[in-house]
Amino acid sequence: MSKDWNKPVSLALGEPGTVTTIRNIQEASWALIEDWPLEEGKALDSALQTLEAAMKGKASAEAARLAFIAAAHEASIEIRE
């Protein structure tokens, strides 16, 4: 599922000075798996589970978005509005 979120999440992820905008569940999943600075954490685990549930239609896209934001906070990643 790659349905766009109502509000994208822009964060400082990757190279210094780079802003990455995450627009949907699929992009969030890839960011957590490929680019995330932490390999484990409660919020990270919760986000991965919520994203998977949202892909299966068992959680809302907004719940997945909020879980992704919580994982960013846990990893001390700056979120840009």
PDB file of N, CA and C in Angstrom:
ATOM      1  N   MET A   1       0.846  -1.178   0.000  1.00  0.00           N
ATOM      2  CA  MET A   1       0.000   0.000   0.000  1.00  0.00           C
ATOM      3  C   MET A   1       0.886   1.234   0.000  1.00  0.00           C
ATOM      4  N   SER A   2       0.605   2.162  -0.891  1.00  0.00           N
ATOM      5  CA  SER A   2       1.402   3.376  -0.942  1.00  0.00           C
ATOM      6  C   SER A   2       0.529   4.625  -0.926  1.00  0.00           C
ATOM      7  N   LYS A   3      -0.656   4.518  -0.367  1.00  0.00           N
ATOM      8  CA  LYS A   3      -1.557   5.656  -0.292  1.00  0.00           C
ATOM      9  C   LYS A   3      -0.873   6.804   0.455  1.00  0.00           C
ATOM     10  N   ASP A   4      -0.920   7.976  -0.149  1.00  0.00           N
ATOM     11  CA  ASP A   4      -0.270   9.131   0.454  1.00  0.00           C
ATOM     12  C   ASP A   4      -0.943   9.521   1.763  1.00  0.00           C
ATOM     13  N   TRP A   5      -0.099   9.972   2.698  1.00  0.00           N
ATOM     14  CA  TRP A   5      -0.600  10.494   3.965  1.00  0.00           C
ATOM     15  C   TRP A   5      -1.227  11.854   3.738  1.00  0.00           C
ATOM     16  N   ASN A   6      -2.135  12.252   4.624  1.00  0.00           N
ATOM     17  CA  ASN A   6      -2.741  13.579   4.531  1.00  0.00           C
ATOM     18  C   ASN A   6      -1.701  14.678   4.699  1.00  0.00           C
ATOM     19  N   LYS A   7      -0.697  14.420   5.539  1.00  0.00           N
ATOM     20  CA  LYS A   7       0.369  15.386   5.771  1.00  0.00           C
ATOM     21  C   LYS A   7       1.704  14.656   5.749  1.00  0.00           C
ATOM     22  N   PRO A   8       2.578  14.966   4.772  1.00  0.00           N
ATOM     23  CA  PRO A   8       3.878  14.307   4.708  1.00  0.00           C
ATOM     24  C   PRO A   8       4.732  14.661   5.933  1.00  0.00           C
ATOM     25  N   VAL A   9       5.754  13.868   6.175  1.00  0.00           N
ATOM     26  CA  VAL A   9       6.694  14.105   7.266  1.00  0.00           C
ATOM     27  C   VAL A   9       8.054  14.399   6.639  1.00  0.00           C
ATOM     28  N   SER A  10       8.584  15.587   6.902  1.00  0.00           N
ATOM     29  CA  SER A  10       9.906  15.972   6.403  1.00  0.00           C
ATOM     30  C   SER A  10      10.879  15.921   7.564  1.00  0.00           C
ATOM     31  N   LEU A  11      11.992  15.227   7.353  1.00  0.00           N
ATOM     32  CA  LEU A  11      12.954  15.086   8.429  1.00  0.00           C
ATOM     33  C   LEU A  11      14.380  15.099   7.911  1.00  0.00           C
ATOM     34  N   ALA A  12      15.293  15.407   8.832  1.00  0.00           N
ATOM     35  CA  ALA A  12      16.716  15.437   8.508  1.00  0.00           C
ATOM     36  C   ALA A  12      17.236  14.006   8.620  1.00  0.00           C
ATOM     37  N   LEU A  13      17.266  13.320   7.504  1.00  0.00           N
ATOM     38  CA  LEU A  13      17.662  11.910   7.478  1.00  0.00           C
ATOM     39  C   LEU A  13      18.692  11.723   6.375  1.00  0.00           C
ATOM     40  N   GLY A  14      19.810  11.128   6.715  1.00  0.00           N
ATOM     41  CA  GLY A  14      20.847  10.900   5.719  1.00  0.00           C
ATOM     42  C   GLY A  14      21.968  11.910   5.855  1.00  0.00           C
ATOM     43  N   GLU A  15      22.439  12.411   4.738  1.00  0.00           N
ATOM     44  CA  GLU A  15      23.547  13.364   4.707  1.00  0.00           C
ATOM     45  C   GLU A  15      23.179  14.644   5.461  1.00  0.00           C
ATOM     46  N   PRO A  16      24.148  15.243   6.168  1.00  0.00           N
ATOM     47  CA  PRO A  16      23.871  16.518   6.852  1.00  0.00           C
ATOM     48  C   PRO A  16      23.343  17.561   5.872  1.00  0.00           C
ATOM     49  N   GLY A  17      22.334  18.270   6.297  1.00  0.00           N
ATOM     50  CA  GLY A  17      21.719  19.295   5.458  1.00  0.00           C
ATOM     51  C   GLY A  17      20.673  18.766   4.496  1.00  0.00           C
ATOM     52  N   THR A  18      20.475  17.470   4.473  1.00  0.00           N
ATOM     53  CA  THR A  18      19.498  16.856   3.572  1.00  0.00           C
ATOM     54  C   THR A  18      18.161  16.699   4.283  1.00  0.00           C
ATOM     55  N   VAL A  19      17.099  17.075   3.605  1.00  0.00           N
ATOM     56  CA  VAL A  19      15.753  16.882   4.136  1.00  0.00           C
ATOM     57  C   VAL A  19      15.073  15.829   3.280  1.00  0.00           C
ATOM     58  N   THR A  20      14.535  14.816   3.933  1.00  0.00           N
ATOM     59  CA  THR A  20      13.812  13.744   3.259  1.00  0.00           C
ATOM     60  C   THR A  20      12.339  13.886   3.599  1.00  0.00           C
ATOM     61  N   THR A  21      11.495  13.843   2.604  1.00  0.00           N
ATOM     62  CA  THR A  21      10.051  13.930   2.821  1.00  0.00           C
ATOM     63  C   THR A  21       9.442  12.557   2.605  1.00  0.00           C
ATOM     64  N   ILE A  22       8.764  12.090   3.635  1.00  0.00           N
ATOM     65  CA  ILE A  22       8.097  10.786   3.606  1.00  0.00           C
ATOM     66  C   ILE A  22       6.613  11.052   3.413  1.00  0.00           C
ATOM     67  N   ARG A  23       6.043  10.479   2.350  1.00  0.00           N
ATOM     68  CA  ARG A  23       4.662  10.781   1.980  1.00  0.00           C
ATOM     69  C   ARG A  23       3.670   9.644   2.208  1.00  0.00           C
ATOM     70  N   ASN A  24       4.194   8.434   2.455  1.00  0.00           N
ATOM     71  CA  ASN A  24       3.278   7.304   2.567  1.00  0.00           C
ATOM     72  C   ASN A  24       3.896   6.155   3.359  1.00  0.00           C
ATOM     73  N   ILE A  25       3.120   5.122   3.564  1.00  0.00           N
ATOM     74  CA  ILE A  25       3.525   3.971   4.357  1.00  0.00           C
ATOM     75  C   ILE A  25       4.735   3.275   3.742  1.00  0.00           C
ATOM     76  N   GLN A  26       4.745   3.115   2.449  1.00  0.00           N
ATOM     77  CA  GLN A  26       5.847   2.428   1.783  1.00  0.00           C
ATOM     78  C   GLN A  26       7.157   3.191   1.958  1.00  0.00           C
ATOM     79  N   GLU A  27       7.134   4.501   1.755  1.00  0.00           N
ATOM     80  CA  GLU A  27       8.343   5.305   1.938  1.00  0.00           C
ATOM     81  C   GLU A  27       8.822   5.247   3.387  1.00  0.00           C
ATOM     82  N   ALA A  28       7.884   5.272   4.339  1.00  0.00           N
ATOM     83  CA  ALA A  28       8.248   5.191   5.760  1.00  0.00           C
ATOM     84  C   ALA A  28       8.906   3.852   6.073  1.00  0.00           C
ATOM     85  N   SER A  29       8.358   2.786   5.541  1.00  0.00           N
ATOM     86  CA  SER A  29       8.938   1.454   5.769  1.00  0.00           C
ATOM     87  C   SER A  29      10.363   1.389   5.258  1.00  0.00           C
ATOM     88  N   TRP A  30      10.597   1.874   4.048  1.00  0.00           N
ATOM     89  CA  TRP A  30      11.943   1.856   3.479  1.00  0.00           C
ATOM     90  C   TRP A  30      12.896   2.701   4.309  1.00  0.00           C
ATOM     91  N   ALA A  31      12.437   3.867   4.760  1.00  0.00           N
ATOM     92  CA  ALA A  31      13.301   4.736   5.570  1.00  0.00           C
ATOM     93  C   ALA A  31      13.706   4.030   6.861  1.00  0.00           C
ATOM     94  N   LEU A  32      12.752   3.382   7.520  1.00  0.00           N
ATOM     95  CA  LEU A  32      13.053   2.687   8.776  1.00  0.00           C
ATOM     96  C   LEU A  32      14.001   1.511   8.564  1.00  0.00           C
ATOM     97  N   ILE A  33      13.849   0.817   7.470  1.00  0.00           N
ATOM     98  CA  ILE A  33      14.665  -0.366   7.210  1.00  0.00           C
ATOM     99  C   ILE A  33      16.042  -0.004   6.651  1.00  0.00           C
ATOM    100  N   GLU A  34      16.094   0.954   5.744  1.00  0.00           N
ATOM    101  CA  GLU A  34      17.336   1.250   5.028  1.00  0.00           C
ATOM    102  C   GLU A  34      18.159   2.394   5.611  1.00  0.00           C
ATOM    103  N   ASP A  35      17.510   3.437   6.118  1.00  0.00           N
ATOM    104  CA  ASP A  35      18.217   4.675   6.437  1.00  0.00           C
ATOM    105  C   ASP A  35      18.222   5.052   7.914  1.00  0.00           C
ATOM    106  N   TRP A  36      17.558   4.276   8.737  1.00  0.00           N
ATOM    107  CA  TRP A  36      17.376   4.666  10.142  1.00  0.00           C
ATOM    108  C   TRP A  36      18.672   4.557  10.921  1.00  0.00           C
ATOM    109  N   PRO A  37      18.969   5.556  11.777  1.00  0.00           N
ATOM    110  CA  PRO A  37      20.229   5.521  12.538  1.00  0.00           C
ATOM    111  C   PRO A  37      20.219   4.521  13.704  1.00  0.00           C
ATOM    112  N   LEU A  38      19.059   4.104  14.150  1.00  0.00           N
ATOM    113  CA  LEU A  38      18.958   3.106  15.224  1.00  0.00           C
ATOM    114  C   LEU A  38      18.602   1.748  14.632  1.00  0.00           C
ATOM    115  N   GLU A  39      19.107   0.708  15.259  1.00  0.00           N
ATOM    116  CA  GLU A  39      18.765  -0.638  14.812  1.00  0.00           C
ATOM    117  C   GLU A  39      17.706  -1.274  15.698  1.00  0.00           C
ATOM    118  N   GLU A  40      17.519  -0.706  16.895  1.00  0.00           N
ATOM    119  CA  GLU A  40      16.475  -1.216  17.767  1.00  0.00           C
ATOM    120  C   GLU A  40      15.978  -0.106  18.676  1.00  0.00           C
ATOM    121  N   GLY A  41      14.752  -0.283  19.117  1.00  0.00           N
ATOM    122  CA  GLY A  41      14.117   0.684  20.003  1.00  0.00           C
ATOM    123  C   GLY A  41      12.635   0.388  20.078  1.00  0.00           C
ATOM    124  N   LYS A  42      12.015   0.769  21.171  1.00  0.00           N
ATOM    125  CA  LYS A  42      10.590   0.489  21.346  1.00  0.00           C
ATOM    126  C   LYS A  42       9.739   1.189  20.289  1.00  0.00           C
ATOM    127  N   ALA A  43      10.012   2.472  20.066  1.00  0.00           N
ATOM    128  CA  ALA A  43       9.217   3.210  19.082  1.00  0.00           C
ATOM    129  C   ALA A  43       9.485   2.707  17.661  1.00  0.00           C
ATOM    130  N   LEU A  44      10.727   2.321  17.393  1.00  0.00           N
ATOM    131  CA  LEU A  44      11.060   1.756  16.083  1.00  0.00           C
ATOM    132  C   LEU A  44      10.280   0.464  15.855  1.00  0.00           C
ATOM    133  N   ASP A  45      10.296  -0.421  16.829  1.00  0.00           N
ATOM    134  CA  ASP A  45       9.551  -1.678  16.716  1.00  0.00           C
ATOM    135  C   ASP A  45       8.060  -1.427  16.530  1.00  0.00           C
ATOM    136  N   SER A  46       7.537  -0.481  17.307  1.00  0.00           N
ATOM    137  CA  SER A  46       6.117  -0.151  17.216  1.00  0.00           C
ATOM    138  C   SER A  46       5.774   0.410  15.833  1.00  0.00           C
ATOM    139  N   ALA A  47       6.646   1.273  15.322  1.00  0.00           N
ATOM    140  CA  ALA A  47       6.410   1.856  13.996  1.00  0.00           C
ATOM    141  C   ALA A  47       6.410   0.777  12.918  1.00  0.00           C
ATOM    142  N   LEU A  48       7.376  -0.120  12.979  1.00  0.00           N
ATOM    143  CA  LEU A  48       7.431  -1.199  11.984  1.00  0.00           C
ATOM    144  C   LEU A  48       6.177  -2.067  12.036  1.00  0.00           C
ATOM    145  N   GLN A  49       5.715  -2.383  13.240  1.00  0.00           N
ATOM    146  CA  GLN A  49       4.500  -3.190  13.388  1.00  0.00           C
ATOM    147  C   GLN A  49       3.268  -2.445  12.897  1.00  0.00           C
ATOM    148  N   THR A  50       3.184  -1.153  13.210  1.00  0.00           N
ATOM    149  CA  THR A  50       2.028  -0.360  12.793  1.00  0.00           C
ATOM    150  C   THR A  50       2.016  -0.163  11.286  1.00  0.00           C
ATOM    151  N   LEU A  51       3.189   0.062  10.701  1.00  0.00           N
ATOM    152  CA  LEU A  51       3.263   0.193   9.244  1.00  0.00           C
ATOM    153  C   LEU A  51       2.837  -1.101   8.559  1.00  0.00           C
ATOM    154  N   GLU A  52       3.282  -2.230   9.085  1.00  0.00           N
ATOM    155  CA  GLU A  52       2.885  -3.518   8.513  1.00  0.00           C
ATOM    156  C   GLU A  52       1.369  -3.712   8.629  1.00  0.00           C
ATOM    157  N   ALA A  53       0.820  -3.379   9.797  1.00  0.00           N
ATOM    158  CA  ALA A  53      -0.628  -3.500   9.992  1.00  0.00           C
ATOM    159  C   ALA A  53      -1.385  -2.586   9.028  1.00  0.00           C
ATOM    160  N   ALA A  54      -0.873  -1.384   8.806  1.00  0.00           N
ATOM    161  CA  ALA A  54      -1.529  -0.453   7.878  1.00  0.00           C
ATOM    162  C   ALA A  54      -1.482  -0.982   6.450  1.00  0.00           C
ATOM    163  N   MET A  55      -0.376  -1.616   6.079  1.00  0.00           N
ATOM    164  CA  MET A  55      -0.279  -2.201   4.738  1.00  0.00           C
ATOM    165  C   MET A  55      -1.326  -3.296   4.538  1.00  0.00           C
ATOM    166  N   LYS A  56      -1.656  -3.981   5.633  1.00  0.00           N
ATOM    167  CA  LYS A  56      -2.642  -5.061   5.576  1.00  0.00           C
ATOM    168  C   LYS A  56      -4.063  -4.568   5.832  1.00  0.00           C
ATOM    169  N   GLY A  57      -4.223  -3.254   6.025  1.00  0.00           N
ATOM    170  CA  GLY A  57      -5.548  -2.693   6.266  1.00  0.00           C
ATOM    171  C   GLY A  57      -6.042  -2.873   7.685  1.00  0.00           C
ATOM    172  N   LYS A  58      -5.139  -3.219   8.613  1.00  0.00           N
ATOM    173  CA  LYS A  58      -5.532  -3.463  10.000  1.00  0.00           C
ATOM    174  C   LYS A  58      -5.213  -2.287  10.914  1.00  0.00           C
ATOM    175  N   ALA A  59      -4.612  -1.238  10.365  1.00  0.00           N
ATOM    176  CA  ALA A  59      -4.350   0.002  11.090  1.00  0.00           C
ATOM    177  C   ALA A  59      -4.511   1.136  10.085  1.00  0.00           C
ATOM    178  N   SER A  60      -4.786   2.315  10.582  1.00  0.00           N
ATOM    179  CA  SER A  60      -4.982   3.454   9.683  1.00  0.00           C
ATOM    180  C   SER A  60      -3.640   4.029   9.230  1.00  0.00           C
ATOM    181  N   ALA A  61      -3.681   4.733   8.123  1.00  0.00           N
ATOM    182  CA  ALA A  61      -2.484   5.409   7.629  1.00  0.00           C
ATOM    183  C   ALA A  61      -2.032   6.456   8.641  1.00  0.00           C
ATOM    184  N   GLU A  62      -2.974   7.109   9.306  1.00  0.00           N
ATOM    185  CA  GLU A  62      -2.622   8.133  10.299  1.00  0.00           C
ATOM    186  C   GLU A  62      -1.933   7.503  11.511  1.00  0.00           C
ATOM    187  N   ALA A  63      -2.370   6.330  11.936  1.00  0.00           N
ATOM    188  CA  ALA A  63      -1.698   5.631  13.043  1.00  0.00           C
ATOM    189  C   ALA A  63      -0.262   5.295  12.650  1.00  0.00           C
ATOM    190  N   ALA A  64      -0.061   4.889  11.414  1.00  0.00           N
ATOM    191  CA  ALA A  64       1.277   4.573  10.918  1.00  0.00           C
ATOM    192  C   ALA A  64       2.138   5.833  10.882  1.00  0.00           C
ATOM    193  N   ARG A  65       1.551   6.930  10.444  1.00  0.00           N
ATOM    194  CA  ARG A  65       2.277   8.208  10.395  1.00  0.00           C
ATOM    195  C   ARG A  65       2.716   8.637  11.791  1.00  0.00           C
ATOM    196  N   LEU A  66       1.820   8.548  12.752  1.00  0.00           N
ATOM    197  CA  LEU A  66       2.148   8.940  14.123  1.00  0.00           C
ATOM    198  C   LEU A  66       3.207   8.023  14.735  1.00  0.00           C
ATOM    199  N   ALA A  67       3.145   6.738  14.435  1.00  0.00           N
ATOM    200  CA  ALA A  67       4.153   5.797  14.924  1.00  0.00           C
ATOM    201  C   ALA A  67       5.517   6.109  14.298  1.00  0.00           C
ATOM    202  N   PHE A  68       5.514   6.485  13.033  1.00  0.00           N
ATOM    203  CA  PHE A  68       6.750   6.864  12.348  1.00  0.00           C
ATOM    204  C   PHE A  68       7.365   8.105  12.999  1.00  0.00           C
ATOM    205  N   ILE A  69       6.536   9.084  13.315  1.00  0.00           N
ATOM    206  CA  ILE A  69       7.009  10.302  13.978  1.00  0.00           C
ATOM    207  C   ILE A  69       7.591   9.968  15.350  1.00  0.00           C
ATOM    208  N   ALA A  70       6.938   9.080  16.090  1.00  0.00           N
ATOM    209  CA  ALA A  70       7.446   8.669  17.406  1.00  0.00           C
ATOM    210  C   ALA A  70       8.818   8.004  17.263  1.00  0.00           C
ATOM    211  N   ALA A  71       8.997   7.206  16.233  1.00  0.00           N
ATOM    212  CA  ALA A  71      10.291   6.559  15.999  1.00  0.00           C
ATOM    213  C   ALA A  71      11.361   7.602  15.667  1.00  0.00           C
ATOM    214  N   ALA A  72      10.980   8.643  14.933  1.00  0.00           N
ATOM    215  CA  ALA A  72      11.927   9.721  14.626  1.00  0.00           C
ATOM    216  C   ALA A  72      12.350  10.443  15.903  1.00  0.00           C
ATOM    217  N   HIS A  73      11.403  10.707  16.781  1.00  0.00           N
ATOM    218  CA  HIS A  73      11.733  11.341  18.064  1.00  0.00           C
ATOM    219  C   HIS A  73      12.677  10.453  18.869  1.00  0.00           C
ATOM    220  N   GLU A  74      12.378   9.156  18.914  1.00  0.00           N
ATOM    221  CA  GLU A  74      13.233   8.222  19.644  1.00  0.00           C
ATOM    222  C   GLU A  74      14.669   8.240  19.119  1.00  0.00           C
ATOM    223  N   ALA A  75      14.827   8.378  17.805  1.00  0.00           N
ATOM    224  CA  ALA A  75      16.139   8.380  17.169  1.00  0.00           C
ATOM    225  C   ALA A  75      16.781   9.774  17.149  1.00  0.00           C
ATOM    226  N   SER A  76      16.124  10.745  17.778  1.00  0.00           N
ATOM    227  CA  SER A  76      16.616  12.138  17.804  1.00  0.00           C
ATOM    228  C   SER A  76      16.807  12.703  16.398  1.00  0.00           C
ATOM    229  N   ILE A  77      15.884  12.365  15.518  1.00  0.00           N
ATOM    230  CA  ILE A  77      15.901  12.901  14.151  1.00  0.00           C
ATOM    231  C   ILE A  77      15.036  14.146  14.126  1.00  0.00           C
ATOM    232  N   GLU A  78      15.587  15.211  13.594  1.00  0.00           N
ATOM    233  CA  GLU A  78      14.862  16.477  13.519  1.00  0.00           C
ATOM    234  C   GLU A  78      13.744  16.382  12.490  1.00  0.00           C
ATOM    235  N   ILE A  79      12.546  16.729  12.926  1.00  0.00           N
ATOM    236  CA  ILE A  79      11.392  16.762  12.026  1.00  0.00           C
ATOM    237  C   ILE A  79      11.170  18.213  11.627  1.00  0.00           C
ATOM    238  N   ARG A  80      11.036  18.438  10.336  1.00  0.00           N
ATOM    239  CA  ARG A  80      10.839  19.797   9.820  1.00  0.00           C
ATOM    240  C   ARG A  80       9.407  19.933   9.340  1.00  0.00           C
ATOM    241  N   GLU A  81       8.766  20.949   9.809  1.00  0.00           N
ATOM    242  CA  GLU A  81       7.360  21.191   9.406  1.00  0.00           C
ATOM    243  C   GLU A  81       7.317  22.131   8.225  1.00  0.00           C
TER     244      GLU A  81
END
